[in-house]
Amino acid sequence: MAVELRCPDCRAKLRLKVAPDPGTEVECPKCGTVFPAPEPEPEPEEEAPKEKAEKKEKAGKQTKTKKAPAAPGGPKKRKAKKRETSKTALFAVIGTGVFMLLSVAGVLIWFFSRTSKSVEMMYYVPEDANSAVGMNIGHAQKYPEFYKSVGQMHAGSDYKTAGDAVAKAAGLADMDALADYVVKAGSGSGSAIVFHTKAVFDGDALAKLSGAEKKTLDGKTYYLAPGLAGGGERQRVFAPTNRLVVVSPESTKEGTFKKMLNGHADSRDKTLGVRLGDLGKRVTRGTFWVVAIDPDAKGSGGASDAKGGAGGTPDAKADDPKAQLARTITETITGARGYGIKASLGSREVRFEIVVWYKDSEKSANVARKWKESELGKGDEGTPPKWFKEETQSMGDRKVAAQLLSNVGFGASGELFYARTAVDTIDFQQSAGNALGKVTGQKSQNAGGGTGPGAMPGAPAGGGPGAPGKTPRRRRFGPVRSCR
């Protein structure tokens, strides 16, 4: 059934042929804003036939019993005096309307100007961090069967080990019961794992961590605990608010940690979440994401030498998939402000998106045009490059690969270039742990490791040819929804 939505940014009207599921990401082709689809409005209930008949019969009786008009010589009815509207009541109605209008305006202003969860969490990572990984665990847990397959990505990770320990100290079962969001970030001066808790967290519970020592710095309390993140190094742990817990290694520089402990109260505009700008707003909406800015800087995992392969090593062969991939990454992010990759989980499909943040909108538009005209831009009607096929083998079987290729699309929104694709959730479920580990760079049990937040993990997700005898359905992305 057709449905009309309105973009929350530019207020453009979107007419969709089919109503999207509540929470599904919808993109406005006019301004590029991506927003969740709202809950459908309930349709008015139709009256039962019996009720309609009763109303009709009642109306007929009333018509019959109406009195005939008085005879010309009969007594005339006196006209009732028109009652004046009370000024007090009128002012009360107007005042109530103005109050309600101001209340709605206030709520809208708060909603669109509020600090997002991920930005707030990044107040407590090193100020000079240029990359981060985020996982919206609470959202992923809404799909229990899918989340089970993601467990292999968590197993043995530093954040899982630390999360389980903090949960135990608070009297909870494990990280899954403790946190609804996790962010990891690091730099040359230190690193941090930040948990956003599902419920109010009592910071005093950290004293129950095994071997914990209570410390103070600038009047603020933190705890030093051994082996908290799975290694031999002691970790500093503190709860800056009743919904955040921060874990940082003892090796983090004292000055850096001091600012983290204070939430960078005097320099929040310099923290990573704020510096990410429009790139962060788009990428951190994903269920699993990785983002990096200033990719040409040393240690940020940016572009490699354009004349070489990954890490600056010379190309072995021009047609070698890894060399092709290295060149593609270099060409795409050289000169960019940053990039991000996200996987957004839904009941029907998992959407993947790579976003590159350029210094001007002309550059992003040119890159989008180039990719649209490429063989990859033709989807399953073109011939994808070798690196594309190789990179997507770990994303699942041939069925998954065929869907990824069929749904690939490119576009631009302001200074952002994006490449996106999707796969049916149920088909992707078996290989989700390894594939999402590839997106976020987190090591899993079955995969030898990931690419990490500092190294751009592949190009737009896609895949090779579909299974024999089956043509994948085509669900191309891009500006397919019309604004009128």
Protein backbone atom coordinates (compact mmCIF):
# COMPACT_ATOMS: atom_id res chain seq x y z
CA MET A 1 0.00 0.00 0.00
CA ALA A 2 1.34 3.44 -0.96
CA VAL A 3 2.44 5.70 1.88
CA GLU A 4 3.65 9.26 2.28
CA LEU A 5 6.52 10.19 4.60
CA ARG A 6 8.09 13.54 5.29
CA CYS A 7 11.85 14.15 5.57
CA PRO A 8 12.66 15.52 9.09
CA ASP A 9 15.42 17.76 7.69
CA CYS A 10 14.15 19.38 4.46
CA ARG A 11 10.44 18.54 5.01
CA ALA A 12 10.20 17.11 1.49
CA LYS A 13 7.31 14.69 0.92
CA LEU A 14 8.33 11.11 0.02
CA ARG A 15 5.82 8.90 -1.76
CA LEU A 16 6.63 5.21 -1.44
CA LYS A 17 4.77 2.42 -3.25
CA VAL A 18 5.15 0.09 -0.26
CA ALA A 19 5.13 1.12 3.40
CA PRO A 20 8.57 0.32 4.94
CA ASP A 21 8.88 -1.58 8.22
CA PRO A 22 9.07 0.68 11.30
CA GLY A 23 12.72 1.54 11.99
CA THR A 24 13.87 0.74 8.44
CA GLU A 25 16.30 3.34 7.11
CA VAL A 26 14.75 5.65 4.49
CA GLU A 27 16.86 8.10 2.50
CA CYS A 28 15.55 11.42 1.20
CA PRO A 29 16.86 11.82 -2.36
CA LYS A 30 16.49 15.58 -2.08
CA CYS A 31 18.87 16.26 0.85
CA GLY A 32 20.37 12.79 1.46
CA THR A 33 19.14 12.53 5.05
CA VAL A 34 18.68 8.94 6.26
CA PHE A 35 15.95 8.52 8.89
CA PRO A 36 14.05 5.61 10.45
CA ALA A 37 10.58 4.88 9.09
CA PRO A 38 7.87 5.78 11.67
CA GLU A 39 5.24 3.47 13.08
CA PRO A 40 2.16 3.34 10.78
CA GLU A 41 -0.87 5.29 11.95
CA PRO A 42 -3.82 3.05 12.95
CA GLU A 43 -6.64 3.02 10.41
CA PRO A 44 -10.10 4.14 11.66
CA GLU A 45 -12.34 1.20 12.43
CA GLU A 46 -15.31 0.80 10.09
CA GLU A 47 -18.76 0.55 11.64
CA ALA A 48 -20.32 -2.87 11.61
CA PRO A 49 -23.29 -3.30 9.15
CA LYS A 50 -25.63 -3.85 12.09
CA GLU A 51 -24.60 -0.52 13.69
CA LYS A 52 -25.09 1.30 10.36
CA ALA A 53 -28.62 -0.15 10.01
CA GLU A 54 -29.56 0.87 13.57
CA LYS A 55 -28.36 4.44 12.99
CA LYS A 56 -30.35 4.66 9.74
CA GLU A 57 -33.53 3.38 11.43
CA LYS A 58 -33.14 5.84 14.31
CA ALA A 59 -32.66 8.75 11.90
CA GLY A 60 -35.88 7.73 10.06
CA LYS A 61 -37.93 7.69 13.26
CA GLN A 62 -36.65 11.13 14.24
CA THR A 63 -37.73 12.52 10.86
CA LYS A 64 -41.27 11.10 11.26
CA THR A 65 -41.75 12.50 14.77
CA LYS A 66 -40.77 16.05 13.86
CA LYS A 67 -43.60 18.49 14.62
CA ALA A 68 -45.38 20.18 11.75
CA PRO A 69 -44.77 23.91 11.40
CA ALA A 70 -47.10 26.15 13.39
CA ALA A 71 -50.09 27.67 11.65
CA PRO A 72 -49.78 31.30 10.50
CA GLY A 73 -52.04 32.54 13.26
CA GLY A 74 -50.48 30.44 16.01
CA PRO A 75 -48.06 31.59 18.71
CA LYS A 76 -44.60 32.52 17.53
CA LYS A 77 -41.44 31.16 19.08
CA ARG A 78 -39.15 33.65 20.70
CA LYS A 79 -35.64 33.69 19.36
CA ALA A 80 -33.07 32.67 21.90
CA LYS A 81 -30.57 35.32 22.82
CA LYS A 82 -27.16 34.76 21.34
CA ARG A 83 -24.83 33.91 24.19
CA GLU A 84 -21.55 35.77 24.17
CA THR A 85 -18.37 33.73 24.39
CA SER A 86 -16.62 34.20 27.69
CA LYS A 87 -13.40 36.16 27.23
CA THR A 88 -11.78 34.15 30.00
CA ALA A 89 -12.59 30.87 28.24
CA LEU A 90 -11.35 32.26 24.93
CA PHE A 91 -8.03 33.32 26.45
CA ALA A 92 -7.74 29.93 28.15
CA VAL A 93 -8.20 28.11 24.82
CA ILE A 94 -5.66 30.34 23.05
CA GLY A 95 -3.20 29.98 25.92
CA THR A 96 -3.53 26.19 25.88
CA GLY A 97 -2.94 26.13 22.11
CA VAL A 98 0.16 28.32 22.38
CA PHE A 99 1.50 26.18 25.24
CA MET A 100 1.00 22.97 23.25
CA LEU A 101 2.66 24.52 20.18
CA LEU A 102 5.67 25.64 22.21
CA SER A 103 5.90 22.20 23.85
CA VAL A 104 5.95 20.42 20.49
CA ALA A 105 8.54 22.89 19.16
CA GLY A 106 10.67 22.30 22.26
CA VAL A 107 10.52 18.54 21.85
CA LEU A 108 11.51 18.81 18.15
CA ILE A 109 14.41 21.16 18.95
CA TRP A 110 15.61 18.78 21.69
CA PHE A 111 15.31 15.76 19.39
CA PHE A 112 17.30 17.24 16.51
CA SER A 113 19.94 18.99 18.66
CA ARG A 114 20.52 16.31 21.31
CA THR A 115 23.92 14.67 21.67
CA SER A 116 23.84 11.18 20.19
CA LYS A 117 24.81 8.18 22.29
CA SER A 118 27.98 7.50 20.27
CA VAL A 119 29.18 11.13 20.44
CA GLU A 120 28.72 11.21 24.22
CA MET A 121 30.65 7.94 24.58
CA MET A 122 33.53 9.37 22.54
CA TYR A 123 33.95 12.21 25.06
CA TYR A 124 35.81 9.55 27.09
CA VAL A 125 38.31 8.29 24.49
CA PRO A 126 41.71 9.88 23.80
CA GLU A 127 41.30 13.35 22.30
CA ASP A 128 43.77 12.58 19.48
CA ALA A 129 42.00 9.35 18.44
CA ASN A 130 41.26 9.29 14.71
CA SER A 131 39.39 5.98 14.45
CA ALA A 132 36.73 4.06 16.35
CA VAL A 133 34.57 0.94 16.23
CA GLY A 134 30.99 0.84 17.50
CA MET A 135 28.47 -1.92 18.17
CA ASN A 136 24.82 -1.28 19.00
CA ILE A 137 24.40 -4.51 20.97
CA GLY A 138 20.93 -3.60 22.22
CA HIS A 139 19.60 -3.28 18.67
CA ALA A 140 21.28 -6.50 17.53
CA GLN A 141 19.75 -8.39 20.47
CA LYS A 142 16.28 -7.68 19.09
CA TYR A 143 17.08 -10.46 16.61
CA PRO A 144 18.08 -13.33 18.97
CA GLU A 145 18.90 -15.96 16.33
CA PHE A 146 21.01 -13.52 14.36
CA TYR A 147 22.76 -12.28 17.50
CA LYS A 148 23.77 -15.84 18.41
CA SER A 149 25.74 -16.05 15.17
CA VAL A 150 27.53 -12.82 16.09
CA GLY A 151 28.79 -14.42 19.32
CA GLN A 152 31.89 -15.78 17.60
CA MET A 153 32.96 -12.19 16.85
CA HIS A 154 32.76 -11.30 20.56
CA ALA A 155 34.50 -14.44 21.83
CA GLY A 156 37.95 -13.72 23.24
CA SER A 157 37.83 -9.99 22.44
CA ASP A 158 39.14 -7.43 24.91
CA TYR A 159 35.78 -5.64 25.15
CA LYS A 160 33.90 -8.89 25.85
CA THR A 161 36.38 -9.88 28.58
CA ALA A 162 36.19 -6.42 30.18
CA GLY A 163 32.41 -6.25 29.81
CA ASP A 164 31.92 -9.63 31.46
CA ALA A 165 34.13 -8.62 34.41
CA VAL A 166 32.29 -5.31 34.94
CA ALA A 167 28.93 -7.10 34.66
CA LYS A 168 29.97 -9.66 37.28
CA ALA A 169 31.02 -6.89 39.65
CA ALA A 170 27.56 -5.33 39.22
CA GLY A 171 25.81 -8.66 39.87
CA LEU A 172 24.89 -9.31 36.22
CA ALA A 173 25.47 -12.38 34.08
CA ASP A 174 27.74 -10.98 31.34
CA MET A 175 28.35 -8.10 28.91
CA ASP A 176 25.10 -8.84 27.06
CA ALA A 177 23.15 -8.14 30.24
CA LEU A 178 25.23 -5.06 31.07
CA ALA A 179 25.61 -3.00 27.90
CA ASP A 180 23.47 -1.89 24.99
CA TYR A 181 26.31 -0.12 23.17
CA VAL A 182 30.10 -0.47 22.97
CA VAL A 183 32.65 1.93 21.44
CA LYS A 184 36.40 1.29 21.08
CA ALA A 185 38.92 3.95 20.09
CA GLY A 186 42.66 4.49 20.36
CA SER A 187 45.62 6.63 19.40
CA GLY A 188 49.34 6.89 20.04
CA SER A 189 48.64 8.30 23.50
CA GLY A 190 46.26 5.59 24.67
CA SER A 191 42.99 3.78 24.08
CA ALA A 192 39.60 3.16 25.67
CA ILE A 193 36.60 0.83 25.65
CA VAL A 194 33.36 2.61 26.57
CA PHE A 195 30.18 0.77 27.59
CA HIS A 196 26.74 2.38 27.61
CA THR A 197 24.71 0.40 30.13
CA LYS A 198 21.14 -0.81 29.72
CA ALA A 199 20.14 0.40 33.17
CA VAL A 200 21.41 2.86 35.76
CA PHE A 201 24.88 1.76 36.87
CA ASP A 202 26.27 2.25 40.38
CA GLY A 203 29.92 3.28 40.03
CA ASP A 204 30.72 1.90 43.48
CA ALA A 205 30.23 -1.61 42.05
CA LEU A 206 33.62 -1.25 40.34
CA ALA A 207 35.25 -1.73 43.77
CA LYS A 208 34.16 -5.39 43.49
CA LEU A 209 36.36 -6.02 40.45
CA SER A 210 38.90 -8.75 41.15
CA GLY A 211 42.09 -7.21 42.60
CA ALA A 212 40.76 -3.65 42.16
CA GLU A 213 42.62 -0.75 43.80
CA LYS A 214 40.81 2.53 44.39
CA LYS A 215 42.62 5.60 43.02
CA THR A 216 41.92 9.32 42.72
CA LEU A 217 43.09 11.87 40.17
CA ASP A 218 42.04 15.53 40.22
CA GLY A 219 39.41 14.64 42.81
CA LYS A 220 37.84 11.94 40.60
CA THR A 221 37.73 8.24 41.47
CA TYR A 222 38.81 5.35 39.29
CA TYR A 223 39.90 1.75 39.91
CA LEU A 224 43.02 -0.09 38.80
CA ALA A 225 42.29 -3.75 38.04
CA PRO A 226 44.60 -6.49 36.70
CA GLY A 227 43.81 -8.58 33.59
CA LEU A 228 40.51 -6.87 33.00
CA ALA A 229 40.82 -6.83 29.19
CA GLY A 230 42.35 -10.28 28.89
CA GLY A 231 46.02 -9.26 28.85
CA GLY A 232 48.66 -8.85 31.51
CA GLU A 233 48.36 -5.06 31.66
CA ARG A 234 46.32 -3.46 34.40
CA GLN A 235 43.32 -1.39 33.37
CA ARG A 236 41.94 1.87 34.71
CA VAL A 237 38.15 1.70 35.10
CA PHE A 238 35.71 4.48 35.98
CA ALA A 239 32.03 5.35 35.64
CA PRO A 240 31.73 9.05 34.61
CA THR A 241 27.91 8.91 34.58
CA ASN A 242 25.31 6.44 35.81
CA ARG A 243 25.04 4.97 32.28
CA LEU A 244 28.71 4.87 31.18
CA VAL A 245 31.68 2.68 32.14
CA VAL A 246 35.15 3.37 30.69
CA VAL A 247 38.08 0.92 30.57
CA SER A 248 41.55 2.20 29.60
CA PRO A 249 44.99 0.52 29.90
CA GLU A 250 47.44 1.77 32.51
CA SER A 251 49.85 2.63 29.68
CA THR A 252 47.56 5.45 28.51
CA LYS A 253 49.49 8.69 29.05
CA GLU A 254 48.69 10.47 32.30
CA GLY A 255 47.70 13.76 30.63
CA THR A 256 45.48 11.94 28.14
CA PHE A 257 43.79 9.89 30.85
CA LYS A 258 43.22 12.99 32.98
CA LYS A 259 41.20 14.57 30.15
CA MET A 260 39.31 11.32 29.58
CA LEU A 261 38.43 11.11 33.28
CA ASN A 262 36.97 14.61 33.02
CA GLY A 263 35.09 13.85 29.79
CA HIS A 264 37.11 16.56 27.99
CA ALA A 265 34.84 19.11 29.67
CA ASP A 266 36.93 22.02 28.36
CA SER A 267 37.58 20.69 24.84
CA ARG A 268 34.67 18.55 23.69
CA ASP A 269 34.73 20.17 20.26
CA LYS A 270 38.09 18.45 19.75
CA THR A 271 36.89 14.94 20.60
CA LEU A 272 36.49 12.34 17.87
CA GLY A 273 32.69 12.14 17.97
CA VAL A 274 32.38 15.88 17.29
CA ARG A 275 35.16 15.98 14.68
CA LEU A 276 33.46 13.24 12.68
CA GLY A 277 30.80 15.74 11.60
CA ASP A 278 28.37 14.57 8.91
CA LEU A 279 30.39 11.40 8.40
CA GLY A 280 29.78 10.34 12.00
CA LYS A 281 26.07 11.22 11.89
CA ARG A 282 25.58 8.88 8.94
CA VAL A 283 27.88 6.00 9.86
CA THR A 284 27.11 5.66 13.58
CA ARG A 285 23.44 4.98 12.79
CA GLY A 286 24.51 1.46 11.83
CA THR A 287 24.23 -1.53 14.13
CA PHE A 288 27.95 -2.29 13.61
CA TRP A 289 30.32 0.38 12.32
CA VAL A 290 33.91 1.52 11.94
CA VAL A 291 35.00 5.07 11.17
CA ALA A 292 38.29 6.91 10.64
CA ILE A 293 39.22 10.51 9.84
CA ASP A 294 42.42 12.08 8.54
CA PRO A 295 43.25 8.80 6.71
CA ASP A 296 46.55 10.12 5.33
CA ALA A 297 47.96 10.65 8.82
CA LYS A 298 50.49 8.18 10.19
CA GLY A 299 48.88 5.47 12.29
CA SER A 300 45.34 6.24 11.17
CA GLY A 301 45.29 3.37 8.71
CA GLY A 302 44.84 5.56 5.69
CA ALA A 303 45.90 5.36 2.11
CA SER A 304 48.93 3.35 1.15
CA ASP A 305 51.43 4.37 -1.48
CA ALA A 306 49.54 4.75 -4.77
CA LYS A 307 52.35 2.90 -6.55
CA GLY A 308 52.24 -0.03 -4.19
CA GLY A 309 49.85 -2.45 -2.55
CA ALA A 310 48.55 -2.56 0.96
CA GLY A 311 51.01 -1.16 3.45
CA GLY A 312 53.13 0.33 0.65
CA THR A 313 54.42 -3.01 -0.70
CA PRO A 314 54.96 -3.20 -4.48
CA ASP A 315 52.25 -4.73 -6.62
CA ALA A 316 53.12 -8.32 -7.47
CA LYS A 317 50.87 -8.51 -10.53
CA ALA A 318 48.57 -6.03 -12.17
CA ASP A 319 45.71 -8.53 -12.06
CA ASP A 320 46.38 -9.77 -8.51
CA PRO A 321 43.11 -9.22 -6.53
CA LYS A 322 44.90 -7.94 -3.42
CA ALA A 323 46.94 -5.49 -5.47
CA GLN A 324 43.78 -4.36 -7.27
CA LEU A 325 42.04 -3.85 -3.96
CA ALA A 326 44.97 -1.85 -2.54
CA ARG A 327 44.94 0.45 -5.58
CA THR A 328 41.16 0.87 -5.37
CA ILE A 329 41.33 1.82 -1.69
CA THR A 330 44.16 4.26 -2.34
CA GLU A 331 42.37 5.95 -5.22
CA THR A 332 39.15 6.22 -3.25
CA ILE A 333 40.37 7.67 0.05
CA THR A 334 43.44 9.68 -1.00
CA GLY A 335 42.71 13.30 -0.15
CA ALA A 336 39.53 12.41 1.75
CA ARG A 337 38.72 13.74 5.20
CA GLY A 338 37.73 10.27 6.36
CA TYR A 339 35.64 7.20 5.72
CA GLY A 340 33.29 4.85 7.51
CA ILE A 341 31.67 1.45 7.07
CA LYS A 342 28.41 0.32 8.65
CA ALA A 343 26.13 -2.71 8.71
CA SER A 344 22.52 -1.97 9.65
CA LEU A 345 20.51 -4.95 10.85
CA GLY A 346 16.81 -5.25 10.01
CA SER A 347 14.17 -7.98 10.13
CA ARG A 348 14.20 -8.40 6.35
CA GLU A 349 17.70 -7.43 5.30
CA VAL A 350 21.15 -6.35 6.43
CA ARG A 351 22.29 -3.17 4.69
CA PHE A 352 25.99 -2.42 4.20
CA GLU A 353 27.34 1.01 3.41
CA ILE A 354 30.78 2.52 2.83
CA VAL A 355 30.92 6.31 3.17
CA VAL A 356 33.85 8.52 2.14
CA TRP A 357 33.97 12.12 3.34
CA TYR A 358 35.56 14.49 0.83
CA LYS A 359 36.46 18.16 1.18
CA ASP A 360 33.81 19.36 -1.28
CA SER A 361 30.56 18.13 -2.82
CA GLU A 362 31.93 18.29 -6.39
CA LYS A 363 34.51 15.60 -5.57
CA SER A 364 31.92 13.28 -3.99
CA ALA A 365 29.57 13.73 -6.97
CA ASN A 366 32.39 12.95 -9.45
CA VAL A 367 33.39 9.80 -7.56
CA ALA A 368 29.77 8.63 -7.44
CA ARG A 369 29.41 9.20 -11.18
CA LYS A 370 32.59 7.24 -11.88
CA TRP A 371 31.42 4.24 -9.84
CA LYS A 372 27.94 4.29 -11.37
CA GLU A 373 29.51 4.06 -14.84
CA SER A 374 31.89 1.25 -13.84
CA GLU A 375 31.32 -2.48 -14.37
CA LEU A 376 30.57 -2.81 -10.69
CA GLY A 377 27.93 -0.11 -11.02
CA LYS A 378 26.03 -2.37 -13.42
CA GLY A 379 25.48 -4.90 -10.62
CA ASP A 380 24.80 -8.44 -11.80
CA GLU A 381 24.60 -7.18 -15.40
CA GLY A 382 28.28 -6.22 -15.36
CA THR A 383 31.59 -8.01 -14.76
CA PRO A 384 32.80 -7.27 -11.23
CA PRO A 385 36.57 -7.00 -10.69
CA LYS A 386 38.50 -9.91 -9.18
CA TRP A 387 39.14 -8.17 -5.88
CA PHE A 388 35.39 -7.69 -5.45
CA LYS A 389 34.70 -11.41 -5.85
CA GLU A 390 37.53 -12.41 -3.52
CA GLU A 391 36.64 -9.94 -0.80
CA THR A 392 33.02 -11.08 -0.68
CA GLN A 393 33.72 -14.81 -0.44
CA SER A 394 33.88 -14.51 3.34
CA MET A 395 30.50 -12.77 3.39
CA GLY A 396 28.65 -16.06 2.84
CA ASP A 397 27.73 -18.62 0.18
CA ARG A 398 26.98 -17.99 -3.49
CA LYS A 399 23.41 -17.03 -2.72
CA VAL A 400 24.58 -14.25 -0.39
CA ALA A 401 27.24 -13.11 -2.85
CA ALA A 402 24.69 -12.93 -5.67
CA GLN A 403 22.37 -10.74 -3.59
CA LEU A 404 25.19 -8.42 -2.57
CA LEU A 405 26.20 -7.91 -6.19
CA SER A 406 22.62 -7.48 -7.39
CA ASN A 407 21.90 -4.78 -4.81
CA VAL A 408 25.07 -2.70 -5.12
CA GLY A 409 24.58 1.02 -5.77
CA PHE A 410 26.43 4.34 -5.50
CA GLY A 411 25.48 7.93 -4.75
CA ALA A 412 26.50 11.23 -3.16
CA SER A 413 25.02 13.49 -0.49
CA GLY A 414 26.83 16.78 -0.02
CA GLU A 415 30.46 16.02 0.75
CA LEU A 416 29.72 12.33 1.33
CA PHE A 417 30.12 9.60 -1.31
CA TYR A 418 28.47 6.28 -0.46
CA ALA A 419 28.47 2.76 -1.81
CA ARG A 420 25.79 0.43 -0.50
CA THR A 421 24.30 -3.01 -0.87
CA ALA A 422 22.13 -5.46 1.06
CA VAL A 423 21.44 -9.13 1.68
CA ASP A 424 18.43 -10.96 3.15
CA THR A 425 18.89 -11.31 6.91
CA ILE A 426 17.96 -14.99 7.02
CA ASP A 427 20.41 -15.86 4.22
CA PHE A 428 23.23 -13.87 5.83
CA GLN A 429 22.72 -15.26 9.33
CA GLN A 430 25.10 -18.26 9.08
CA SER A 431 28.15 -16.20 8.11
CA ALA A 432 27.29 -13.06 10.11
CA GLY A 433 30.04 -13.47 12.73
CA ASN A 434 32.92 -13.60 10.26
CA ALA A 435 31.43 -11.00 7.92
CA LEU A 436 30.70 -8.43 10.64
CA GLY A 437 34.14 -9.11 12.11
CA LYS A 438 35.48 -8.09 8.71
CA VAL A 439 33.43 -4.88 8.76
CA THR A 440 34.42 -3.84 12.29
CA GLY A 441 37.90 -5.36 12.33
CA GLN A 442 37.11 -7.52 15.38
CA LYS A 443 38.72 -10.96 15.59
CA SER A 444 36.39 -13.96 15.69
CA GLN A 445 36.95 -17.60 16.51
CA ASN A 446 36.68 -18.78 12.93
CA ALA A 447 38.46 -15.89 11.29
CA GLY A 448 42.13 -15.29 11.80
CA GLY A 449 41.54 -11.62 12.40
CA GLY A 450 40.03 -8.49 10.95
CA THR A 451 41.21 -5.44 9.19
CA GLY A 452 40.80 -3.20 12.22
CA PRO A 453 39.49 0.34 12.37
CA GLY A 454 42.68 1.62 10.88
CA ALA A 455 42.58 -0.32 7.63
CA MET A 456 39.73 0.11 5.22
CA PRO A 457 38.21 -3.38 4.99
CA GLY A 458 37.56 -3.92 1.34
CA ALA A 459 35.38 -2.03 -1.05
CA PRO A 460 31.61 -1.90 -1.30
CA ALA A 461 30.22 -5.22 -0.21
CA GLY A 462 29.05 -7.32 -3.12
CA GLY A 463 29.66 -10.73 -4.55
CA GLY A 464 30.24 -12.97 -7.48
CA PRO A 465 27.81 -14.78 -9.74
CA GLY A 466 24.74 -16.37 -8.24
CA ALA A 467 24.05 -20.06 -7.80
CA PRO A 468 23.57 -21.97 -11.05
CA GLY A 469 20.06 -21.84 -12.43
CA LYS A 470 18.98 -18.96 -10.20
CA THR A 471 18.83 -15.29 -11.12
CA PRO A 472 19.06 -13.05 -8.05
CA ARG A 473 16.33 -10.49 -7.64
CA ARG A 474 17.39 -6.97 -8.44
CA ARG A 475 16.93 -4.38 -5.71
CA ARG A 476 19.32 -1.65 -6.74
CA PHE A 477 20.03 1.21 -4.38
CA GLY A 478 20.40 4.85 -5.25
CA PRO A 479 17.83 7.64 -5.62
CA VAL A 480 14.94 5.26 -6.22
CA ARG A 481 12.37 6.98 -4.00
CA SER A 482 10.70 10.03 -5.42
CA CYS A 483 10.16 13.34 -3.64
CA ARG A 484 7.24 15.45 -4.85
